[in-house]
Amino acid sequence: MDAEPIARAKEVRDDGSIVEIVVWRLPAPLPPCTHRYKYRLYFGRGGECRVRYDNERGKGDHRHVNGAETPYRFVSLDRLLDDFERDVETWR
């Protein structure tokens, strides 16, 4: 089984900022993650990343806010999307 796309959305807001969500379901977890999702959640403007959540092999789940990278504890896909939305809405 190949990776299955389960979400893809892109919104360009009135102020020119971009919110993009891309999520795939994988046949097996991407180490060191224990879940079967590969994701990239992005918020930025003018080529500048303001908030990004993603995961990658060897690095696992993490988030970037204002240039600082921190680990992210993945609980569920719904929680991931809620946490991302909260960071986008409270970004300053």
C-alpha atoms as a PDB file:
ATOM      1  CA  MET A   1       0.000   0.000   0.000  1.00  0.00           C
ATOM      2  CA  ASP A   2       1.260   3.460  -0.898  1.00  0.00           C
ATOM      3  CA  ALA A   3       0.803   6.624   1.112  1.00  0.00           C
ATOM      4  CA  GLU A   4      -2.809   7.789   0.869  1.00  0.00           C
ATOM      5  CA  PRO A   5      -3.530  11.527   0.714  1.00  0.00           C
ATOM      6  CA  ILE A   6      -6.256  12.370   3.234  1.00  0.00           C
ATOM      7  CA  ALA A   7      -6.159  16.180   3.400  1.00  0.00           C
ATOM      8  CA  ARG A   8      -4.921  18.941   1.141  1.00  0.00           C
ATOM      9  CA  ALA A   9      -6.064  22.537   1.461  1.00  0.00           C
ATOM     10  CA  LYS A  10      -4.573  25.934   0.771  1.00  0.00           C
ATOM     11  CA  GLU A  11      -6.022  29.286   1.771  1.00  0.00           C
ATOM     12  CA  VAL A  12      -4.642  32.662   0.745  1.00  0.00           C
ATOM     13  CA  ARG A  13      -5.993  35.197   3.200  1.00  0.00           C
ATOM     14  CA  ASP A  14      -6.891  38.828   2.529  1.00  0.00           C
ATOM     15  CA  ASP A  15      -3.637  40.013   4.131  1.00  0.00           C
ATOM     16  CA  GLY A  16      -1.593  37.810   1.757  1.00  0.00           C
ATOM     17  CA  SER A  17      -0.749  35.166   4.341  1.00  0.00           C
ATOM     18  CA  ILE A  18      -1.027  31.513   3.355  1.00  0.00           C
ATOM     19  CA  VAL A  19      -2.344  28.560   5.344  1.00  0.00           C
ATOM     20  CA  GLU A  20      -1.612  25.162   3.806  1.00  0.00           C
ATOM     21  CA  ILE A  21      -2.454  21.718   5.181  1.00  0.00           C
ATOM     22  CA  VAL A  22      -1.181  18.471   3.645  1.00  0.00           C
ATOM     23  CA  VAL A  23      -1.676  15.086   5.368  1.00  0.00           C
ATOM     24  CA  TRP A  24      -1.036  11.525   4.155  1.00  0.00           C
ATOM     25  CA  ARG A  25      -1.820   8.182   5.789  1.00  0.00           C
ATOM     26  CA  LEU A  26       1.210   5.891   5.581  1.00  0.00           C
ATOM     27  CA  PRO A  27       1.281   2.097   5.429  1.00  0.00           C
ATOM     28  CA  ALA A  28       3.592   2.122   8.479  1.00  0.00           C
ATOM     29  CA  PRO A  29       4.872   4.757  10.939  1.00  0.00           C
ATOM     30  CA  LEU A  30       7.754   6.977   9.855  1.00  0.00           C
ATOM     31  CA  PRO A  31      10.416   6.398  12.575  1.00  0.00           C
ATOM     32  CA  PRO A  32      10.675   7.648  15.245  1.00  0.00           C
ATOM     33  CA  CYS A  33       6.920   8.434  15.053  1.00  0.00           C
ATOM     34  CA  THR A  34       4.477   5.795  16.285  1.00  0.00           C
ATOM     35  CA  HIS A  35       1.480   7.037  14.239  1.00  0.00           C
ATOM     36  CA  ARG A  36       0.874   6.465  10.519  1.00  0.00           C
ATOM     37  CA  TYR A  37       0.605  10.073   9.350  1.00  0.00           C
ATOM     38  CA  LYS A  38       2.982  12.245   7.363  1.00  0.00           C
ATOM     39  CA  TYR A  39       2.021  15.909   7.500  1.00  0.00           C
ATOM     40  CA  ARG A  40       3.016  19.452   6.667  1.00  0.00           C
ATOM     41  CA  LEU A  41       0.984  22.318   8.133  1.00  0.00           C
ATOM     42  CA  TYR A  42       2.187  25.763   7.121  1.00  0.00           C
ATOM     43  CA  PHE A  43       1.352  29.387   7.869  1.00  0.00           C
ATOM     44  CA  GLY A  44       3.419  32.209   6.439  1.00  0.00           C
ATOM     45  CA  ARG A  45       3.533  35.393   4.439  1.00  0.00           C
ATOM     46  CA  GLY A  46       5.914  36.805   1.877  1.00  0.00           C
ATOM     47  CA  GLY A  47       8.057  33.670   1.897  1.00  0.00           C
ATOM     48  CA  GLU A  48       8.517  33.884   5.674  1.00  0.00           C
ATOM     49  CA  CYS A  49       7.412  30.845   7.699  1.00  0.00           C
ATOM     50  CA  ARG A  50       5.563  31.916  10.829  1.00  0.00           C
ATOM     51  CA  VAL A  51       4.162  28.551  11.985  1.00  0.00           C
ATOM     52  CA  ARG A  52       4.897  25.073  10.621  1.00  0.00           C
ATOM     53  CA  TYR A  53       4.150  21.631  11.971  1.00  0.00           C
ATOM     54  CA  ASP A  54       5.758  18.651  10.261  1.00  0.00           C
ATOM     55  CA  ASN A  55       7.376  15.288  10.784  1.00  0.00           C
ATOM     56  CA  GLU A  56      10.256  13.574   9.076  1.00  0.00           C
ATOM     57  CA  ARG A  57      12.244  10.372   9.288  1.00  0.00           C
ATOM     58  CA  GLY A  58      14.821  10.505  12.058  1.00  0.00           C
ATOM     59  CA  LYS A  59      13.477  13.744  13.496  1.00  0.00           C
ATOM     60  CA  GLY A  60       9.860  12.922  14.319  1.00  0.00           C
ATOM     61  CA  ASP A  61       7.054  15.320  15.122  1.00  0.00           C
ATOM     62  CA  HIS A  62       8.023  18.944  15.650  1.00  0.00           C
ATOM     63  CA  ARG A  63       6.846  22.489  15.116  1.00  0.00           C
ATOM     64  CA  HIS A  64       8.410  25.773  14.095  1.00  0.00           C
ATOM     65  CA  VAL A  65       7.111  29.059  15.493  1.00  0.00           C
ATOM     66  CA  ASN A  66       8.911  32.329  14.651  1.00  0.00           C
ATOM     67  CA  GLY A  67      12.063  30.450  13.673  1.00  0.00           C
ATOM     68  CA  ALA A  68      12.264  28.332  16.836  1.00  0.00           C
ATOM     69  CA  GLU A  69      11.903  24.556  16.444  1.00  0.00           C
ATOM     70  CA  THR A  70      10.459  22.494  19.301  1.00  0.00           C
ATOM     71  CA  PRO A  71       9.360  18.858  19.629  1.00  0.00           C
ATOM     72  CA  TYR A  72       5.641  18.209  19.242  1.00  0.00           C
ATOM     73  CA  ARG A  73       3.778  15.446  21.075  1.00  0.00           C
ATOM     74  CA  PHE A  74       1.380  13.910  18.545  1.00  0.00           C
ATOM     75  CA  VAL A  75      -1.858  12.720  20.197  1.00  0.00           C
ATOM     76  CA  SER A  76      -4.285  12.539  17.269  1.00  0.00           C
ATOM     77  CA  LEU A  77      -4.866  14.095  13.888  1.00  0.00           C
ATOM     78  CA  ASP A  78      -7.719  16.201  15.278  1.00  0.00           C
ATOM     79  CA  ARG A  79      -5.515  17.498  18.090  1.00  0.00           C
ATOM     80  CA  LEU A  80      -2.717  18.290  15.623  1.00  0.00           C
ATOM     81  CA  LEU A  81      -5.065  20.387  13.500  1.00  0.00           C
ATOM     82  CA  ASP A  82      -6.479  22.124  16.594  1.00  0.00           C
ATOM     83  CA  ASP A  83      -2.994  22.939  17.912  1.00  0.00           C
ATOM     84  CA  PHE A  84      -1.919  24.284  14.523  1.00  0.00           C
ATOM     85  CA  GLU A  85      -5.058  26.425  14.224  1.00  0.00           C
ATOM     86  CA  ARG A  86      -4.499  27.812  17.734  1.00  0.00           C
ATOM     87  CA  ASP A  87      -0.885  28.762  16.911  1.00  0.00           C
ATOM     88  CA  VAL A  88      -1.937  30.414  13.649  1.00  0.00           C
ATOM     89  CA  GLU A  89      -4.722  32.402  15.303  1.00  0.00           C
ATOM     90  CA  THR A  90      -2.535  33.547  18.223  1.00  0.00           C
ATOM     91  CA  TRP A  91       0.603  34.227  16.179  1.00  0.00           C
ATOM     92  CA  ARG A  92       2.062  37.692  16.606  1.00  0.00           C
END
